[in-house]
C-alpha atoms as a PDB file:
ATOM      1  CA  MET A   1       0.000   0.000   0.000  1.00  0.00           C
ATOM      2  CA  SER A   2       2.810   2.380   0.876  1.00  0.00           C
ATOM      3  CA  VAL A   3       4.535   1.612  -2.429  1.00  0.00           C
ATOM      4  CA  ALA A   4       1.410   2.516  -4.407  1.00  0.00           C
ATOM      5  CA  THR A   5       1.039   5.706  -2.380  1.00  0.00           C
ATOM      6  CA  THR A   6       4.664   6.633  -3.055  1.00  0.00           C
ATOM      7  CA  VAL A   7       4.310   5.999  -6.792  1.00  0.00           C
ATOM      8  CA  PHE A   8       1.077   8.009  -6.857  1.00  0.00           C
ATOM      9  CA  SER A   9       2.643  10.928  -4.983  1.00  0.00           C
ATOM     10  CA  ILE A  10       5.680  10.926  -7.283  1.00  0.00           C
ATOM     11  CA  GLY A  11       3.463  10.782 -10.370  1.00  0.00           C
ATOM     12  CA  TYR A  12       1.274  13.591  -9.028  1.00  0.00           C
ATOM     13  CA  SER A  13       4.317  15.724  -8.252  1.00  0.00           C
ATOM     14  CA  PHE A  14       5.735  15.077 -11.741  1.00  0.00           C
ATOM     15  CA  TYR A  15       2.384  16.030 -13.308  1.00  0.00           C
ATOM     16  CA  PHE A  16       2.216  19.215 -11.234  1.00  0.00           C
ATOM     17  CA  ILE A  17       5.763  20.197 -12.237  1.00  0.00           C
ATOM     18  CA  LEU A  18       4.978  19.425 -15.889  1.00  0.00           C
ATOM     19  CA  VAL A  19       1.858  21.623 -15.877  1.00  0.00           C
ATOM     20  CA  PHE A  20       3.635  24.370 -13.921  1.00  0.00           C
ATOM     21  CA  SER A  21       6.620  24.438 -16.285  1.00  0.00           C
ATOM     22  CA  HIS A  22       4.245  24.426 -19.266  1.00  0.00           C
ATOM     23  CA  ASN A  23       2.431  27.467 -17.860  1.00  0.00           C
ATOM     24  CA  VAL A  24       5.754  29.236 -17.271  1.00  0.00           C
ATOM     25  CA  ILE A  25       6.859  28.538 -20.859  1.00  0.00           C
ATOM     26  CA  GLN A  26       3.523  29.782 -22.206  1.00  0.00           C
ATOM     27  CA  THR A  27       3.850  32.935 -20.096  1.00  0.00           C
ATOM     28  CA  LEU A  28       7.395  33.555 -21.329  1.00  0.00           C
ATOM     29  CA  LEU A  29       6.457  33.001 -24.972  1.00  0.00           C
ATOM     30  CA  TYR A  30       3.325  35.154 -24.974  1.00  0.00           C
ATOM     31  CA  GLY A  31       4.748  37.603 -22.452  1.00  0.00           C
ATOM     32  CA  GLN A  32       7.253  38.921 -24.960  1.00  0.00           C
END
């Protein structure tokens, strides 16, 4: 159970970072 929770938390963190970085890139591109 703890292994599944760890994998889920890592996947969620990776997804959050991916979306956050995507938003930053969009902001930089359209900000100029």
